[in-house]
Amino acid sequence: MIYFISDLHLSPRTPGAICIFKAFLERIACPDVVRHNSLYILGDCFETWVGDDDMDDPCHQEIITALARAGTAGLATHLMHGNRDFLLGQDFAQAAGLTLLPDPYVLSTPEWQFVLAHGDALCTDDQAYQQFRAQTRNLDWQAAFLAKPLAERHAIAEHLRQQSEAAKSEKSAYQMDLNPGETDDFLRQYGYATFIHGHTHQPARHDHIVDGIHVERWVLADWSEDRGEALCWDGEQLQRHELRA
């Protein structure tokens, strides 16, 4: 089984979601099934991430330990950056026993081909966000941010999080969703592969007709304190699985 999840937004504010995540990892990494399983986390595993030097935080340690334990059991875990945790680095990846992925990423299986992304890069109608995204993905900006004291980075991250939440109420639905034309171009660029992404918090299966070819686009669900969701590929079809602690 291949499992896809995104937008967990784990933090000290979400103990319920952390419990669901840990229970999910234990289930798919148990000795009877782990050799058949892999996991792809498509962004925003964490609500915020201000640098790998913050791994000593108790909440972060709890999550890292659970990921590392699953990796030791044999679960192949892969993680893509989201718009909240784009500063996750190789120190984190090594501690958690997982592999960082580029965005987008092509996943080929013996039966099918997928293209994976967080999804935010295609929300091009939100020009203010795209400007912010370009700034924060700039390596010079990241180096300057990571040079600041940890407490200052936390304060900046909290301010940006509050700004982001406030801005959502002022944006239309189409601004926060993927641009249709950009999405079709993306599907064309990646050979009409089945597209799986998160970011929008609008779980659905969309049917695209691109150049006369039917292409599926699956949007992953965000997690809450009492419910998570994973999309699962069993070699024949994709199915959603509700997750509880």
Protein backbone atom coordinates (compact mmCIF):
# COMPACT_ATOMS: atom_id res chain seq x y z
CA MET A 1 0.00 0.00 0.00
CA ILE A 2 1.07 3.56 -0.72
CA TYR A 3 -0.43 6.17 1.61
CA PHE A 4 -0.71 9.89 0.84
CA ILE A 5 -1.43 12.51 3.49
CA SER A 6 -1.01 16.27 3.82
CA ASP A 7 -1.97 19.32 5.84
CA LEU A 8 -1.73 17.77 9.28
CA HIS A 9 -0.58 21.14 10.71
CA LEU A 10 0.82 19.44 13.81
CA SER A 11 1.74 21.67 16.74
CA PRO A 12 1.36 21.85 20.54
CA ARG A 13 -2.14 23.23 19.79
CA THR A 14 -3.16 19.92 18.13
CA PRO A 15 -2.59 17.05 20.59
CA GLY A 16 -5.51 15.12 19.09
CA ALA A 17 -4.07 15.24 15.58
CA ILE A 18 -0.68 14.14 16.92
CA CYS A 19 -2.32 11.12 18.58
CA ILE A 20 -4.08 10.21 15.32
CA PHE A 21 -0.80 10.54 13.41
CA LYS A 22 1.12 8.36 15.85
CA ALA A 23 -1.60 5.69 15.80
CA PHE A 24 -1.61 5.77 11.99
CA LEU A 25 2.18 5.32 11.84
CA GLU A 26 2.02 2.41 14.27
CA ARG A 27 -0.67 0.72 12.19
CA ILE A 28 1.05 0.98 8.81
CA ALA A 29 4.48 0.17 10.26
CA CYS A 30 3.45 -2.92 12.19
CA PRO A 31 5.54 -6.03 11.38
CA ASP A 32 2.75 -7.82 9.50
CA VAL A 33 2.25 -5.09 6.87
CA VAL A 34 5.22 -2.71 6.86
CA ARG A 35 7.10 -4.47 4.07
CA HIS A 36 4.22 -3.63 1.73
CA ASN A 37 3.74 0.00 2.78
CA SER A 38 5.17 3.42 2.04
CA LEU A 39 4.06 6.91 3.08
CA TYR A 40 4.12 10.24 1.24
CA ILE A 41 3.49 13.41 3.29
CA LEU A 42 2.70 16.17 0.78
CA GLY A 43 3.38 19.28 2.81
CA ASP A 44 2.36 21.06 6.00
CA CYS A 45 3.09 18.18 8.31
CA PHE A 46 3.80 20.94 10.84
CA GLU A 47 1.86 24.13 11.47
CA THR A 48 5.15 26.04 11.49
CA TRP A 49 8.82 25.13 11.26
CA VAL A 50 11.41 27.80 12.00
CA GLY A 51 14.56 25.70 11.52
CA ASP A 52 16.07 22.33 12.30
CA ASP A 53 17.69 23.76 15.42
CA ASP A 54 14.18 23.69 16.94
CA MET A 55 14.02 19.89 16.99
CA ASP A 56 14.51 19.81 20.77
CA ASP A 57 11.00 21.18 21.24
CA PRO A 58 9.05 18.43 23.09
CA CYS A 59 6.24 18.41 20.53
CA HIS A 60 8.69 18.14 17.65
CA GLN A 61 10.59 15.39 19.44
CA GLU A 62 7.39 13.39 19.92
CA ILE A 63 6.64 13.52 16.20
CA ILE A 64 10.24 12.89 15.11
CA THR A 65 10.47 9.89 17.44
CA ALA A 66 7.27 8.40 16.00
CA LEU A 67 8.54 8.87 12.44
CA ALA A 68 11.95 7.42 13.27
CA ARG A 69 10.38 4.40 14.98
CA ALA A 70 8.26 3.74 11.88
CA GLY A 71 11.35 4.08 9.70
CA THR A 72 13.29 1.64 11.85
CA ALA A 73 10.40 -0.82 11.46
CA GLY A 74 10.79 -0.54 7.70
CA LEU A 75 8.27 2.09 6.62
CA ALA A 76 9.63 4.15 3.71
CA THR A 77 8.50 7.70 4.45
CA HIS A 78 8.86 10.64 2.08
CA LEU A 79 8.07 14.25 2.89
CA MET A 80 7.46 17.30 0.70
CA HIS A 81 7.64 20.87 1.94
CA GLY A 82 4.43 22.81 2.40
CA ASN A 83 3.75 26.50 2.75
CA ARG A 84 4.03 26.26 6.55
CA ASP A 85 7.06 23.97 6.94
CA PHE A 86 9.26 24.86 3.95
CA LEU A 87 12.32 25.18 6.23
CA LEU A 88 12.43 21.48 7.10
CA GLY A 89 15.99 20.42 6.34
CA GLN A 90 18.30 17.45 6.10
CA ASP A 91 18.99 17.39 9.86
CA PHE A 92 15.29 16.87 10.46
CA ALA A 93 15.08 14.27 7.68
CA GLN A 94 17.96 12.29 9.15
CA ALA A 95 16.53 12.42 12.68
CA ALA A 96 13.08 11.37 11.46
CA GLY A 97 14.40 8.65 9.15
CA LEU A 98 12.70 9.95 6.04
CA THR A 99 13.48 11.35 2.58
CA LEU A 100 12.75 14.92 1.51
CA LEU A 101 11.11 15.23 -1.90
CA PRO A 102 11.17 18.02 -4.48
CA ASP A 103 7.89 19.68 -5.39
CA PRO A 104 6.58 18.43 -7.79
CA TYR A 105 7.63 14.79 -7.72
CA VAL A 106 6.83 12.01 -10.19
CA LEU A 107 6.01 8.67 -8.56
CA SER A 108 6.01 5.69 -10.91
CA THR A 109 4.69 2.33 -9.77
CA PRO A 110 4.48 -0.91 -11.78
CA GLU A 111 0.78 -0.22 -12.32
CA TRP A 112 0.46 3.57 -12.65
CA GLN A 113 2.13 6.97 -12.66
CA PHE A 114 1.39 9.84 -10.30
CA VAL A 115 2.61 13.40 -9.99
CA LEU A 116 2.69 14.72 -6.42
CA ALA A 117 2.76 18.32 -5.21
CA HIS A 118 1.75 20.39 -2.23
CA GLY A 119 -0.44 22.41 -4.59
CA ASP A 120 0.22 25.99 -3.52
CA ALA A 121 2.41 26.80 -6.54
CA LEU A 122 -0.65 26.46 -8.79
CA CYS A 123 -2.80 28.89 -6.76
CA THR A 124 -1.68 31.66 -9.09
CA ASP A 125 -4.81 33.81 -8.72
CA ASP A 126 -3.61 34.66 -5.19
CA GLN A 127 -0.90 37.05 -6.30
CA ALA A 128 -0.06 38.26 -2.79
CA TYR A 129 0.59 34.70 -1.66
CA GLN A 130 2.70 33.93 -4.74
CA GLN A 131 4.90 36.95 -3.98
CA PHE A 132 5.30 35.74 -0.40
CA ARG A 133 6.06 32.22 -1.63
CA ALA A 134 8.75 33.46 -4.02
CA GLN A 135 10.35 35.50 -1.23
CA THR A 136 10.41 32.69 1.34
CA ARG A 137 11.78 30.14 -1.13
CA ASN A 138 14.71 32.45 -1.88
CA LEU A 139 17.87 30.94 -0.38
CA ASP A 140 19.24 34.33 0.71
CA TRP A 141 15.99 35.11 2.53
CA GLN A 142 16.08 31.71 4.22
CA ALA A 143 19.70 32.15 5.31
CA ALA A 144 18.93 35.57 6.79
CA PHE A 145 15.87 34.22 8.60
CA LEU A 146 17.73 31.20 10.01
CA ALA A 147 20.48 33.52 11.29
CA LYS A 148 18.01 35.21 13.63
CA PRO A 149 17.64 34.02 17.25
CA LEU A 150 15.20 31.15 17.70
CA ALA A 151 12.80 33.20 19.83
CA GLU A 152 12.65 35.91 17.17
CA ARG A 153 11.94 33.34 14.46
CA HIS A 154 9.07 31.94 16.52
CA ALA A 155 7.62 35.42 16.95
CA ILE A 156 7.87 36.11 13.21
CA ALA A 157 6.31 32.74 12.35
CA GLU A 158 3.39 33.35 14.72
CA HIS A 159 2.83 36.81 13.23
CA LEU A 160 2.85 35.38 9.70
CA ARG A 161 0.46 32.60 10.76
CA GLN A 162 -2.00 35.13 12.18
CA GLN A 163 -1.70 37.25 9.04
CA SER A 164 -2.39 34.22 6.88
CA GLU A 165 -5.50 33.27 8.85
CA ALA A 166 -6.82 36.83 8.69
CA ALA A 167 -6.17 37.08 4.95
CA LYS A 168 -8.21 33.95 4.21
CA SER A 169 -11.44 35.70 5.21
CA GLU A 170 -10.78 38.41 2.62
CA LYS A 171 -10.01 36.11 -0.30
CA SER A 172 -12.50 34.52 -2.67
CA ALA A 173 -12.68 30.76 -3.14
CA TYR A 174 -11.16 30.91 -6.60
CA GLN A 175 -8.12 32.82 -5.29
CA MET A 176 -7.34 30.05 -2.82
CA ASP A 177 -7.88 27.22 -5.30
CA LEU A 178 -5.71 25.98 -8.14
CA ASN A 179 -5.92 28.01 -11.33
CA PRO A 180 -7.68 25.84 -13.97
CA GLY A 181 -5.45 26.82 -16.88
CA GLU A 182 -2.25 26.44 -14.89
CA THR A 183 -3.46 23.06 -13.67
CA ASP A 184 -4.16 21.79 -17.17
CA ASP A 185 -0.72 22.97 -18.28
CA PHE A 186 0.78 21.16 -15.30
CA LEU A 187 -1.04 17.93 -16.17
CA ARG A 188 0.13 18.24 -19.76
CA GLN A 189 3.73 18.87 -18.66
CA TYR A 190 3.72 15.73 -16.50
CA GLY A 191 2.34 13.40 -19.14
CA TYR A 192 -1.27 13.33 -17.94
CA ALA A 193 -0.29 11.45 -14.77
CA THR A 194 -2.80 11.21 -11.93
CA PHE A 195 -2.26 14.32 -9.82
CA ILE A 196 -2.34 14.18 -5.99
CA HIS A 197 -1.96 17.31 -3.87
CA GLY A 198 -3.06 19.07 -0.71
CA HIS A 199 -2.98 22.71 0.43
CA THR A 200 -6.52 23.81 -0.38
CA HIS A 201 -8.26 21.86 2.42
CA GLN A 202 -10.98 20.98 -0.10
CA PRO A 203 -10.82 17.17 -0.44
CA ALA A 204 -12.28 16.00 -3.73
CA ARG A 205 -11.65 14.02 -6.89
CA HIS A 206 -11.66 16.16 -10.03
CA ASP A 207 -11.89 14.96 -13.63
CA HIS A 208 -9.86 16.94 -16.15
CA ILE A 209 -9.99 16.52 -19.91
CA VAL A 210 -6.63 17.73 -21.24
CA ASP A 211 -5.96 17.38 -24.97
CA GLY A 212 -8.81 14.87 -25.09
CA ILE A 213 -7.25 12.75 -22.31
CA HIS A 214 -9.06 12.08 -19.02
CA VAL A 215 -6.86 12.88 -16.01
CA GLU A 216 -7.82 12.50 -12.35
CA ARG A 217 -6.82 15.05 -9.72
CA TRP A 218 -7.16 14.02 -6.07
CA VAL A 219 -7.12 16.68 -3.35
CA LEU A 220 -6.07 15.44 0.07
CA ALA A 221 -7.98 16.36 3.22
CA ASP A 222 -6.60 18.48 6.03
CA TRP A 223 -6.58 17.01 9.54
CA SER A 224 -8.41 18.09 12.68
CA GLU A 225 -8.28 17.24 16.38
CA ASP A 226 -10.62 14.27 16.01
CA ARG A 227 -10.14 13.12 12.44
CA GLY A 228 -7.47 12.52 9.83
CA GLU A 229 -7.55 11.07 6.37
CA ALA A 230 -5.19 9.13 4.12
CA LEU A 231 -5.51 8.39 0.42
CA CYS A 232 -4.36 4.84 -0.31
CA TRP A 233 -3.17 3.21 -3.53
CA ASP A 234 -3.47 -0.59 -3.42
CA GLY A 235 -2.10 -1.22 -6.90
CA GLU A 236 -5.51 -0.98 -8.55
CA GLN A 237 -7.34 2.05 -7.23
CA LEU A 238 -7.18 5.05 -4.92
CA GLN A 239 -9.40 5.05 -1.84
CA ARG A 240 -9.82 7.45 1.07
CA HIS A 241 -9.43 6.08 4.60
CA GLU A 242 -10.72 7.96 7.62
CA LEU A 243 -8.31 7.94 10.55
CA ARG A 244 -9.14 8.09 14.23
CA ALA A 245 -6.93 7.82 17.29
